[in-house]
Protein backbone atom coordinates (compact mmCIF):
# COMPACT_ATOMS: atom_id res chain seq x y z
CA MET A 1 140.28 214.35 74.74
CA THR A 2 142.94 216.30 74.05
CA THR A 3 145.65 217.64 76.46
CA THR A 4 147.78 220.72 74.70
CA ALA A 5 151.35 220.09 74.97
CA GLU A 6 152.51 223.47 77.05
CA SER A 7 151.18 221.66 79.45
CA SER A 8 153.13 218.58 79.79
CA ILE A 9 155.99 216.65 81.26
CA LEU A 10 157.06 216.80 77.71
CA SER A 11 157.01 220.78 77.26
CA MET A 12 159.50 220.75 80.69
CA LEU A 13 161.13 218.39 78.48
CA HIS A 14 162.22 220.48 75.75
CA GLY A 15 162.52 223.41 77.43
CA ARG A 16 165.06 222.98 80.09
CA ALA A 17 167.22 220.98 76.97
CA SER A 18 166.78 224.42 75.45
CA MET A 19 168.42 226.59 78.77
CA ARG A 20 170.22 224.32 80.65
CA PRO A 21 171.61 222.07 77.53
CA ASP A 22 174.38 220.82 79.07
CA ASP A 23 173.75 219.63 82.31
CA VAL A 24 173.64 216.07 82.95
CA ALA A 25 169.52 214.93 83.48
CA PHE A 26 170.02 211.27 84.01
CA THR A 27 173.11 208.99 84.78
CA PHE A 28 172.46 205.00 84.90
CA THR A 29 174.89 202.83 86.55
CA GLU A 30 174.59 198.82 85.67
CA TYR A 31 176.71 195.99 87.13
CA ASP A 32 176.09 193.31 84.72
CA ARG A 33 179.47 193.73 83.29
CA ASP A 34 181.43 194.94 86.27
CA PRO A 35 180.69 195.12 89.79
CA ALA A 36 181.99 198.27 90.02
CA GLY A 37 179.34 199.60 88.18
CA VAL A 38 179.87 201.10 84.72
CA SER A 39 177.59 204.32 84.01
CA GLU A 40 175.97 205.82 81.12
CA SER A 41 174.68 209.87 81.47
CA LEU A 42 172.31 211.64 79.13
CA THR A 43 171.85 216.01 79.26
CA TRP A 44 169.12 217.70 78.84
CA SER A 45 169.86 218.33 74.99
CA GLN A 46 170.38 214.79 74.71
CA LEU A 47 167.79 213.63 76.49
CA ALA A 48 165.30 216.14 74.36
CA ARG A 49 167.03 215.39 71.10
CA ARG A 50 166.76 211.45 71.70
CA THR A 51 163.06 211.42 73.01
CA MET A 52 161.97 213.20 69.85
CA ASN A 53 164.20 211.08 67.46
CA VAL A 54 162.65 207.42 69.35
CA ALA A 55 159.23 209.37 69.20
CA ARG A 56 160.07 210.56 64.72
CA GLU A 57 159.97 205.94 64.69
CA ILE A 58 157.17 205.40 66.19
CA ARG A 59 154.71 207.05 64.29
CA LEU A 60 155.48 205.75 61.76
CA HIS A 61 153.84 202.30 63.49
CA GLY A 62 151.68 204.17 65.46
CA ALA A 63 148.48 207.43 65.40
CA VAL A 64 148.18 208.88 68.08
CA GLY A 65 146.08 208.03 71.14
CA ASP A 66 147.51 204.01 70.43
CA ARG A 67 149.17 202.60 72.66
CA SER A 68 152.81 201.81 73.39
CA VAL A 69 154.08 199.46 75.23
CA ILE A 70 157.41 198.92 77.10
CA LEU A 71 159.17 196.01 77.52
CA ALA A 72 162.66 196.81 77.97
CA PRO A 73 165.25 196.31 80.63
CA GLN A 74 165.84 199.11 83.11
CA GLY A 75 168.76 201.71 81.33
CA LEU A 76 168.03 204.66 79.34
CA GLU A 77 166.34 203.13 76.66
CA TYR A 78 163.81 202.48 78.71
CA ILE A 79 163.26 206.69 79.95
CA LEU A 80 163.98 207.28 75.70
CA ALA A 81 161.00 204.97 75.49
CA PHE A 82 158.68 205.91 77.74
CA LEU A 83 159.01 209.56 76.56
CA GLY A 84 159.57 209.38 73.09
CA SER A 85 156.04 207.71 73.35
CA MET A 86 154.35 210.58 74.14
CA GLN A 87 156.36 212.72 72.48
CA ALA A 88 154.27 211.01 69.31
CA GLY A 89 151.43 210.97 70.70
CA LEU A 90 150.75 208.00 71.49
CA ILE A 91 150.06 206.08 75.41
CA ALA A 92 152.75 204.59 76.82
CA VAL A 93 152.22 201.54 78.33
CA PRO A 94 155.46 201.02 81.20
CA LEU A 95 156.02 197.40 81.82
CA PRO A 96 158.23 194.28 83.31
CA LEU A 97 160.37 192.64 80.66
CA PRO A 98 159.46 189.34 80.72
CA HIS A 99 161.80 186.47 81.16
CA PRO A 100 162.10 183.39 78.84
CA GLY A 101 160.25 180.18 80.14
CA SER A 102 158.90 182.39 83.00
CA GLY A 103 155.03 182.64 83.31
CA HIS A 104 153.53 185.72 82.66
CA ASP A 105 150.37 186.02 82.98
CA ARG A 106 149.28 189.18 83.48
CA VAL A 107 151.60 190.83 81.19
CA ASN A 108 150.12 188.60 78.55
CA ALA A 109 146.25 189.87 79.85
CA VAL A 110 147.35 193.71 79.51
CA LEU A 111 149.24 193.13 76.39
CA VAL A 112 145.54 192.01 74.84
CA ASP A 113 144.09 194.92 77.28
CA THR A 114 145.91 197.77 75.87
CA GLU A 115 145.81 195.87 71.71
CA PRO A 116 149.11 198.11 70.94
CA SER A 117 150.32 199.31 67.67
CA VAL A 118 153.75 199.24 68.91
CA VAL A 119 156.23 197.71 71.37
CA LEU A 120 159.26 199.15 72.53
CA THR A 121 162.86 197.29 73.63
CA THR A 122 166.35 197.01 73.15
CA SER A 123 168.41 195.44 70.93
CA ALA A 124 169.77 192.56 73.17
CA ALA A 125 166.00 191.96 74.80
CA ALA A 126 163.80 192.07 70.78
CA ALA A 127 164.38 188.93 69.95
CA ASP A 128 162.82 187.22 73.55
CA VAL A 129 160.14 190.14 73.20
CA GLY A 130 159.49 189.46 69.67
CA ASP A 131 158.46 185.65 71.02
CA TYR A 132 156.53 186.70 73.66
CA VAL A 133 153.89 189.21 71.76
CA ALA A 134 153.96 186.29 68.75
CA GLY A 135 152.81 184.36 71.08
CA SER A 136 150.50 186.33 73.66
CA GLY A 137 147.44 185.54 70.86
CA LEU A 138 147.04 188.98 70.20
CA GLY A 139 144.62 189.61 66.41
CA THR A 140 147.09 192.48 65.23
CA ALA A 141 150.83 191.67 65.70
CA PRO A 142 152.50 195.24 66.94
CA THR A 143 155.51 196.64 65.56
CA ILE A 144 159.04 195.52 67.33
CA VAL A 145 161.42 198.57 67.58
CA ALA A 146 164.34 198.25 69.50
CA ILE A 147 165.41 202.11 71.06
CA ASP A 148 169.27 201.03 70.91
CA SER A 149 169.46 200.31 67.03
CA LEU A 150 167.65 204.12 66.42
CA ASP A 151 169.93 206.72 65.22
CA LEU A 152 169.08 208.30 68.23
CA ASP A 153 172.14 211.66 67.76
CA ALA A 154 169.97 212.02 64.25
CA GLN A 155 170.25 216.02 63.77
CA GLY A 156 167.26 217.40 62.59
CA ALA A 157 165.17 216.26 65.32
CA THR A 158 163.35 218.56 65.73
CA GLY A 159 160.52 218.81 62.79
CA LEU A 160 157.96 216.48 65.10
CA GLU A 161 155.46 219.31 66.17
CA LEU A 162 152.60 218.40 68.49
CA ALA A 163 149.82 220.73 69.52
CA GLU A 164 147.94 218.02 70.91
CA LEU A 165 148.34 215.41 73.11
CA PRO A 166 145.66 212.49 73.90
CA ASN A 167 144.97 213.28 77.76
CA VAL A 168 145.44 210.03 78.61
CA ALA A 169 149.61 210.48 79.33
CA TYR A 170 149.88 206.63 80.75
CA LEU A 171 148.13 203.44 82.12
CA GLN A 172 149.91 202.36 85.01
CA TYR A 173 148.95 199.15 85.57
CA SER A 174 148.67 197.43 88.82
CA SER A 175 151.18 195.49 90.83
CA GLY A 176 150.08 191.99 90.41
CA SER A 177 148.20 191.26 93.50
CA THR A 178 144.59 190.73 92.22
CA ARG A 179 144.35 188.08 89.70
CA GLN A 180 143.15 191.15 86.62
CA PRO A 181 145.82 194.27 86.09
CA THR A 182 143.87 197.01 85.83
CA GLY A 183 145.47 200.02 83.98
CA VAL A 184 144.87 203.65 85.78
CA MET A 185 144.73 205.83 83.08
CA ILE A 186 146.52 208.41 84.07
CA SER A 187 146.75 212.14 82.44
CA HIS A 188 149.54 214.72 82.30
CA ARG A 189 147.49 217.25 83.84
CA ASN A 190 147.08 214.62 87.24
CA LEU A 191 150.95 213.58 86.70
CA THR A 192 151.72 217.61 87.04
CA VAL A 193 149.51 218.61 89.30
CA ASN A 194 150.80 215.25 92.08
CA PHE A 195 154.12 216.30 91.40
CA GLU A 196 153.36 219.58 92.88
CA GLN A 197 151.72 218.02 95.37
CA LEU A 198 155.03 216.00 96.86
CA MET A 199 156.64 218.75 96.07
CA ARG A 200 155.42 221.09 98.42
CA THR A 201 155.08 218.70 101.00
CA PHE A 202 159.23 217.50 100.34
CA PHE A 203 160.66 219.61 98.54
CA ALA A 204 159.17 223.28 100.26
CA GLY A 205 161.34 226.05 100.59
CA MET A 206 164.30 224.48 99.44
CA SER A 207 166.32 226.18 97.44
CA THR A 208 169.66 224.38 96.57
CA ASP A 209 169.86 221.00 94.24
CA ALA A 210 168.89 218.07 94.89
CA THR A 211 168.67 213.80 93.87
CA PHE A 212 166.68 211.94 93.06
CA VAL A 213 167.94 208.23 93.97
CA SER A 214 166.58 205.28 92.92
CA TRP A 215 166.91 201.67 91.67
CA LEU A 216 162.90 200.87 91.97
CA PRO A 217 161.55 199.48 88.55
CA PHE A 218 159.94 201.94 86.49
CA TYR A 219 156.92 200.16 85.27
CA HIS A 220 156.19 200.24 89.16
CA ASP A 221 153.87 203.97 89.46
CA MET A 222 156.70 205.25 92.39
CA GLY A 223 159.75 204.37 90.49
CA LEU A 224 158.45 205.59 87.16
CA VAL A 225 157.75 209.19 89.02
CA LEU A 226 160.61 209.13 91.71
CA GLY A 227 162.78 208.34 88.44
CA VAL A 228 161.27 209.20 85.72
CA CYS A 229 159.42 212.07 85.77
CA ALA A 230 160.31 213.85 89.16
CA PRO A 231 163.63 214.56 87.74
CA ILE A 232 162.35 216.19 84.39
CA LEU A 233 159.48 218.12 86.12
CA SER A 234 162.20 219.54 88.56
CA GLY A 235 165.30 219.76 87.04
CA TYR A 236 166.74 217.83 89.14
CA PRO A 237 169.05 215.34 88.27
CA ALA A 238 168.33 211.32 88.67
CA ALA A 239 171.03 208.50 89.68
CA LEU A 240 169.16 205.78 88.77
CA THR A 241 170.37 201.85 88.28
CA SER A 242 168.19 198.32 88.89
CA PRO A 243 166.28 196.85 90.82
CA THR A 244 168.64 193.68 90.63
CA ALA A 245 171.71 195.93 91.49
CA PHE A 246 169.54 196.90 94.47
CA LEU A 247 168.71 193.21 95.81
CA GLU A 248 172.30 192.22 94.66
CA ARG A 249 173.65 194.19 96.82
CA PRO A 250 171.34 197.06 99.03
CA ALA A 251 174.68 198.86 100.30
CA ARG A 252 174.83 200.04 96.13
CA TRP A 253 171.47 202.25 97.14
CA ILE A 254 173.33 203.77 100.41
CA ARG A 255 177.20 204.32 98.83
CA ALA A 256 174.26 206.11 96.26
CA LEU A 257 172.62 208.30 99.17
CA ALA A 258 175.64 209.31 100.27
CA GLN A 259 178.04 209.88 96.95
CA ASN A 260 174.96 212.29 95.86
CA PRO A 261 174.46 216.04 97.02
CA ARG A 262 171.16 216.12 98.32
CA ALA A 263 170.00 213.06 97.76
CA PHE A 264 166.09 212.07 97.90
CA SER A 265 164.92 208.43 97.19
CA ALA A 266 161.94 206.09 98.07
CA ALA A 267 161.71 202.15 98.03
CA PRO A 268 158.78 199.91 99.99
CA ASN A 269 159.21 198.92 103.70
CA PHE A 270 161.79 195.58 103.00
CA ALA A 271 163.73 197.54 101.83
CA PHE A 272 165.36 199.32 104.58
CA ASP A 273 165.06 196.34 106.45
CA LEU A 274 167.51 194.60 103.74
CA ALA A 275 169.99 197.15 103.42
CA ALA A 276 170.13 197.63 107.42
CA ARG A 277 170.90 194.25 107.29
CA LYS A 278 173.27 193.62 104.54
CA THR A 279 175.04 196.90 104.41
CA THR A 280 178.38 196.38 106.31
CA ASP A 281 180.58 199.36 107.84
CA ASP A 282 183.35 198.56 104.66
CA ASP A 283 180.66 199.37 102.33
CA LEU A 284 180.32 202.71 103.38
CA ASP A 285 183.84 203.73 104.45
CA GLY A 286 185.09 206.94 104.11
CA LEU A 287 181.15 208.14 103.29
CA ASP A 288 178.55 210.23 105.37
CA LEU A 289 175.23 210.29 104.83
CA GLY A 290 174.53 213.55 107.04
CA GLY A 291 173.22 214.98 103.66
CA VAL A 292 171.10 213.04 102.28
CA HIS A 293 167.61 215.16 102.28
CA GLY A 294 164.69 211.95 102.57
CA ILE A 295 163.95 209.33 101.67
CA ILE A 296 160.02 207.71 101.54
CA ASN A 297 158.78 204.74 102.62
CA GLY A 298 156.16 203.71 100.80
CA ALA A 299 153.94 201.62 102.03
CA GLU A 300 149.61 201.29 102.97
CA ARG A 301 151.40 200.84 105.84
CA VAL A 302 154.59 201.78 107.16
CA GLU A 303 155.84 199.79 110.55
CA PRO A 304 158.21 202.20 112.85
CA ALA A 305 160.13 199.27 113.42
CA THR A 306 161.33 199.05 110.71
CA LEU A 307 162.32 203.03 110.62
CA ALA A 308 163.96 202.05 113.84
CA ARG A 309 165.94 199.59 112.35
CA PHE A 310 167.45 201.56 109.05
CA ALA A 311 167.78 205.04 111.62
CA ASP A 312 169.59 203.36 114.00
CA ARG A 313 171.39 200.85 111.69
CA PHE A 314 173.45 204.43 109.87
CA ALA A 315 173.39 207.01 113.24
CA HIS A 316 177.39 206.83 112.66
CA PHE A 317 177.47 207.81 108.73
CA ASN A 318 175.75 210.62 110.17
CA PHE A 319 171.76 209.58 108.79
CA GLN A 320 169.83 212.33 110.53
CA ASP A 321 166.09 210.05 111.45
CA ARG A 322 164.27 212.68 110.92
CA MET A 323 165.06 212.27 107.64
CA LEU A 324 162.79 209.04 106.75
CA ARG A 325 159.47 210.54 105.47
CA PRO A 326 156.80 207.81 105.97
CA SER A 327 154.05 208.11 102.52
CA TYR A 328 151.35 207.20 101.72
CA GLY A 329 149.82 206.39 98.65
CA LEU A 330 148.24 204.04 95.13
CA ALA A 331 148.88 204.79 91.49
CA GLU A 332 144.82 205.85 91.50
CA ALA A 333 145.65 209.26 92.56
CA THR A 334 149.09 208.62 90.32
CA VAL A 335 151.43 208.19 93.41
CA PHE A 336 151.32 210.44 96.26
CA VAL A 337 148.98 211.27 98.91
CA ALA A 338 150.50 211.92 102.50
CA ALA A 339 153.47 212.24 104.51
CA GLY A 340 154.60 212.23 107.59
CA THR A 341 157.58 212.86 110.12
CA TRP A 342 159.34 210.22 111.84
CA SER A 343 162.13 210.50 114.52
CA ASP A 344 163.36 207.83 116.47
CA SER A 345 163.47 210.75 119.62
CA SER A 346 159.94 211.00 119.20
CA GLU A 347 157.84 208.35 121.08
CA THR A 348 155.35 206.00 117.96
CA PRO A 349 151.83 206.54 118.65
CA ARG A 350 150.09 202.54 120.32
CA PHE A 351 146.63 201.56 119.68
CA ASP A 352 144.49 198.90 121.54
CA VAL A 353 144.70 196.11 119.83
CA ASP A 354 140.70 195.66 120.68
CA ALA A 355 139.30 198.97 120.11
CA LEU A 356 141.08 199.00 116.27
CA SER A 357 139.46 195.42 116.30
CA ALA A 358 136.33 196.96 116.85
CA GLY A 359 136.86 200.02 114.96
CA ARG A 360 138.42 202.68 117.10
CA ALA A 361 141.10 204.18 118.16
CA GLN A 362 141.63 204.10 121.73
CA ARG A 363 145.56 205.20 122.87
CA CYS A 364 147.93 202.99 125.03
CA ALA A 365 150.71 202.78 126.97
CA ALA A 366 153.93 202.75 125.44
CA ARG A 367 155.27 199.05 124.67
CA ALA A 368 151.82 197.64 124.33
CA GLY A 369 148.82 198.21 121.61
CA SER A 370 150.09 198.72 117.93
CA ALA A 371 152.01 201.55 116.77
CA LEU A 372 150.63 203.21 114.06
CA VAL A 373 152.78 205.78 112.53
CA ARG A 374 151.28 209.23 111.32
CA TYR A 375 150.47 211.38 108.02
CA ALA A 376 150.26 215.37 108.22
CA MET A 377 146.60 215.57 106.79
CA PRO A 378 147.16 217.26 103.26
CA GLN A 379 145.29 220.17 101.80
CA SER A 380 145.96 219.02 98.71
CA PRO A 381 144.67 216.61 97.73
CA VAL A 382 141.76 216.61 100.16
CA VAL A 383 141.70 213.73 102.40
CA ARG A 384 139.25 212.42 104.65
CA VAL A 385 138.27 208.93 106.80
CA VAL A 386 134.56 207.30 105.90
CA ASP A 387 131.82 205.62 107.29
CA VAL A 388 131.72 202.73 104.21
CA ASP A 389 128.04 201.99 105.09
CA THR A 390 126.60 206.01 105.03
CA ASN A 391 129.08 207.27 102.91
CA ARG A 392 129.97 210.08 105.39
CA GLU A 393 132.52 211.36 107.20
CA CYS A 394 133.76 209.58 110.42
CA ALA A 395 134.16 211.01 113.58
CA LYS A 396 137.64 211.84 114.99
CA ASP A 397 138.06 208.30 116.48
CA VAL A 398 136.83 206.01 114.32
CA VAL A 399 138.32 203.67 112.17
CA GLY A 400 137.02 204.23 107.97
CA GLU A 401 137.45 204.24 104.79
CA ILE A 402 139.95 206.53 103.42
CA TRP A 403 138.62 208.49 100.52
CA VAL A 404 140.54 211.05 98.90
CA HIS A 405 139.66 214.48 96.19
CA GLY A 406 142.01 216.44 93.78
CA GLU A 407 143.80 216.34 90.03
CA ASN A 408 146.07 213.90 91.12
CA VAL A 409 142.63 211.84 90.97
CA ALA A 410 142.81 209.56 87.87
CA GLU A 411 139.51 209.14 85.68
CA GLY A 412 139.44 205.81 86.46
CA TYR A 413 140.24 202.03 84.25
CA TRP A 414 141.42 201.34 80.90
CA HIS A 415 138.73 199.62 79.35
CA ARG A 416 136.62 198.54 82.40
CA LEU A 417 132.83 198.49 82.50
CA PRO A 418 131.40 200.86 84.84
CA GLU A 419 130.65 198.28 87.68
CA GLN A 420 134.34 198.04 87.57
CA GLN A 421 135.01 201.12 88.02
CA ASN A 422 133.20 201.75 91.21
CA CYS A 423 136.29 203.09 93.38
CA PHE A 424 136.63 206.20 91.13
CA GLY A 425 133.80 208.84 91.57
CA ALA A 426 132.14 208.07 95.11
CA THR A 427 129.85 210.60 96.77
CA LEU A 428 130.91 211.87 100.53
CA LEU A 429 127.07 212.45 101.88
CA ASP A 430 126.23 216.02 104.32
CA PRO A 431 129.97 216.54 103.53
CA SER A 432 131.17 219.56 106.28
CA PRO A 433 131.55 222.98 104.80
CA ASP A 434 134.50 223.36 101.98
CA VAL A 435 134.20 219.99 101.60
CA PRO A 436 133.28 218.49 97.81
CA ASP A 437 131.06 216.09 97.52
CA GLY A 438 132.32 214.30 94.66
CA PRO A 439 134.36 213.24 93.16
CA TRP A 440 135.66 211.19 94.99
CA LEU A 441 138.13 208.11 95.28
CA ARG A 442 137.95 205.37 97.33
CA THR A 443 140.97 203.28 97.87
CA GLY A 444 140.28 200.48 100.04
CA ASP A 445 142.30 201.03 102.64
CA LEU A 446 141.24 202.02 106.25
CA GLY A 447 142.44 204.71 108.56
CA PHE A 448 141.48 207.06 111.37
CA VAL A 449 141.78 210.86 112.35
CA HIS A 450 143.66 211.13 115.43
CA GLU A 451 144.70 214.66 116.96
CA GLY A 452 144.49 216.49 113.63
CA ASP A 453 147.01 213.34 111.75
CA LEU A 454 145.86 210.34 109.58
CA PHE A 455 146.39 206.76 110.83
CA ILE A 456 146.32 203.97 108.80
CA VAL A 457 145.71 200.84 109.62
CA GLY A 458 145.37 198.02 106.44
CA ARG A 459 143.31 197.28 103.19
CA ILE A 460 140.15 196.52 103.88
CA LYS A 461 139.94 193.35 101.31
CA ASP A 462 142.87 191.57 103.75
CA LEU A 463 141.11 191.96 107.08
CA LEU A 464 141.11 189.28 109.09
CA ILE A 465 137.63 188.65 110.81
CA ILE A 466 138.52 185.74 113.16
CA ARG A 467 135.37 184.53 115.86
CA GLY A 468 133.05 186.98 114.70
CA ARG A 469 136.15 190.02 115.71
CA ASN A 470 138.22 192.03 112.77
CA HIS A 471 142.08 191.71 113.13
CA TYR A 472 144.60 194.17 111.07
CA PRO A 473 147.36 191.44 109.46
CA GLU A 474 150.00 194.16 109.58
CA ASP A 475 149.04 194.11 113.35
CA ILE A 476 150.25 190.90 113.45
CA GLU A 477 153.27 190.36 111.21
CA ALA A 478 154.34 192.92 113.58
CA THR A 479 154.12 191.18 115.95
CA VAL A 480 156.16 187.94 114.51
CA GLN A 481 158.15 190.37 113.43
CA GLU A 482 159.69 191.60 116.21
CA ILE A 483 160.70 187.50 117.05
CA THR A 484 161.47 186.38 113.44
CA ARG A 485 163.10 189.81 111.40
CA GLY A 486 161.82 188.33 108.36
CA ARG A 487 158.67 188.13 106.07
CA VAL A 488 155.67 187.29 107.64
CA ALA A 489 152.08 186.84 106.05
CA ALA A 490 148.99 186.53 108.43
CA ILE A 491 146.29 184.88 106.58
CA SER A 492 143.25 183.45 107.84
CA VAL A 493 141.34 180.07 105.79
CA PRO A 494 138.11 177.98 106.22
CA VAL A 495 138.84 174.85 108.81
CA ASN A 496 135.41 173.15 109.65
CA SER A 497 133.25 176.43 108.47
CA THR A 498 134.90 178.81 111.02
CA GLU A 499 138.80 180.86 109.85
CA ARG A 500 141.33 180.14 111.58
CA LEU A 501 144.99 182.15 111.92
CA VAL A 502 147.52 181.29 109.70
CA THR A 503 151.31 182.40 109.43
CA VAL A 504 153.71 181.99 107.41
CA ILE A 505 157.71 182.87 108.14
CA GLU A 506 160.18 183.57 105.76
CA VAL A 507 163.56 182.73 107.97
CA LYS A 508 167.02 181.72 107.02
CA GLN A 509 167.21 177.83 108.88
CA PRO A 510 164.72 176.17 111.16
CA GLY A 511 166.70 177.46 113.28
CA ASP A 512 166.10 178.58 117.13
CA PRO A 513 163.27 175.40 118.00
CA GLY A 514 161.41 177.73 119.99
CA VAL A 515 160.90 180.27 117.30
CA LYS A 516 157.62 178.74 116.86
CA ASP A 517 156.94 178.20 121.13
CA LYS A 518 157.81 182.49 121.34
CA VAL A 519 155.68 183.39 117.80
CA THR A 520 153.33 181.10 118.66
CA ALA A 521 153.02 183.07 122.77
CA ALA A 522 153.12 186.38 121.50
CA ILE A 523 150.08 186.56 118.84
CA SER A 524 148.24 184.89 121.71
CA ASN A 525 149.76 187.54 124.52
CA VAL A 526 148.75 190.57 121.96
CA HIS A 527 145.96 189.86 120.15
CA GLY A 528 144.11 186.89 121.70
CA LEU A 529 144.27 184.84 119.37
CA SER A 530 145.06 181.01 119.00
CA VAL A 531 147.35 180.48 115.73
CA GLU A 532 146.13 176.98 113.60
CA ASP A 533 149.52 176.19 111.73
CA LEU A 534 152.54 178.16 111.50
CA VAL A 535 154.91 177.91 108.50
CA LEU A 536 158.53 178.26 108.49
CA VAL A 537 159.82 178.88 104.77
CA ALA A 538 162.49 180.31 102.75
CA PRO A 539 163.25 184.10 102.63
CA GLY A 540 161.70 184.34 98.54
CA SER A 541 159.18 182.59 98.98
CA LEU A 542 156.56 184.23 99.83
CA PRO A 543 154.39 185.84 96.91
CA THR A 544 154.67 189.27 96.34
CA THR A 545 153.52 191.97 94.25
CA THR A 546 156.12 194.00 92.28
CA SER A 547 156.74 196.83 94.54
CA GLY A 548 157.40 194.02 98.05
CA LYS A 549 154.37 193.58 99.05
CA ILE A 550 152.98 190.25 100.54
CA ARG A 551 150.54 188.82 98.69
CA ARG A 552 148.41 187.83 100.85
CA ALA A 553 145.13 186.22 98.90
CA ALA A 554 147.99 184.50 96.92
CA CYS A 555 149.88 182.95 99.93
CA VAL A 556 145.62 181.42 100.57
CA GLU A 557 145.78 179.41 98.06
CA GLN A 558 149.76 178.47 97.57
CA TYR A 559 148.50 177.17 101.36
CA ARG A 560 145.18 175.46 100.99
CA GLN A 561 147.06 174.02 97.97
CA ASP A 562 150.04 173.04 99.70
CA GLN A 563 152.62 174.67 97.96
CA PHE A 564 154.83 176.42 100.21
CA VAL A 565 158.07 174.18 100.75
CA ARG A 566 158.37 174.14 104.39
CA LEU A 567 161.30 173.77 107.00
CA ASP A 568 159.98 172.75 108.56
CA ALA A 569 158.09 169.69 106.76
CA GLY A 570 156.18 167.50 108.56
CA GLN A 571 154.70 170.27 111.39
CA GLY A 572 151.61 171.38 109.89
CA PRO A 573 147.42 172.16 111.46
CA ALA A 574 147.71 170.55 114.44
């Protein structure tokens, strides 16, 4: 199946190059050579011309519909590789750059899955990428192209024309929370529709300019859409850097928010806590955050305490707490599904933990129960909460699976059997009036509708069943984080044929000798659970996805194989 080039992100790129050739499109700042940062910009005309030159080279090595894998460091070359792949009519596959000597089973699995005809990288990484690809087990070796070695600014780059493009624009591979990565087939239509949904939610009625500010990796769904696609589709410029630059010094992100007009950004939950903790007043001396247009906090479940700490930390730099925008989405829906507004001054709804465990939403008093962020129920896409046993819509205040319907929902996974595609194409039984019966995307996330708003409680696959009762790990983790402030994984492990609770907690050092007693007491008081084992580990010990989410299944495996390096050595299960 094909789509017309006129309806794609490429048509928007070339239109902007024609109408606004000298306006800056992307600015990328890298900090490897200079801690103060070295910036490079591309105008719309430069971006379009270089995209065409990259595409011309790619067409020498692949046919329309072939796969073009990107294994490159974060930078402008990565953007050109992505756009050039689509311009050449190939299906782009953005991936993280493998590091020499480290295990990259996920990247290897994707190479085998996609059988690319070309791999795009940079001169600095080409040798390592070549060695890596050579050892990946591919039957036919792809051509390796270093983007920066091409004559990117060659004139006469308008001769490559494509009336038709493959329906699939790119493959968005899962971020690594499962053993076998799966590639979501994102079409040009999926991308443009989801962008329109995002703009209606965050930029409705906005006439002034904005700047997309991002350090998120381009191979992640949110990083790709926010950092690469949204600037082209909207015409707003982007100020970009790398995840490494952020992790080395989180203040770089906050400074960029202050230094760019009407900054709009996004980050996973952990980044807000990190930025609040690591940014000093001197880092922001003379800067003002009052012009920030919005910051998406994207996670299956956003923690209100994280938003509160971030807003409080930067309030005296004029940051407006209502600019924090908790958002929900997933790669199978391109990236964006729903968003909420949040304010430190408004009460965060809290729900009885026991009732939630039983599948019901029941409000409780302030400072009790589970604090949950509210999301506005979107009109597009359509969202419903569904009983997983009957496939019928749940009544309000009843917990069920979140289902999504709309043109932003992908067609399915690349090269997967029908039985591996069962989250796509679901049918709703006896839908309410004006609600379609299908096709629906089963998200695997649990939530409920309360007073017309959507609330998210966690992943079905992460649900803990202990002594016959359901417990959401996010609830337990939030309780622990109120004490420790660090990352936490709440998992269940079998002990004598019964599931028992284990918490793995990142701390700087064993520190307060009473931390275990405090955590154990809090979990007992709030959740009515005893802790089989409480494991203290150093920061960075918990396995995470590329977007910073805790990989709880991997935590279970590491715990069972005694692979965590405990700071509380010798203090295992009671």
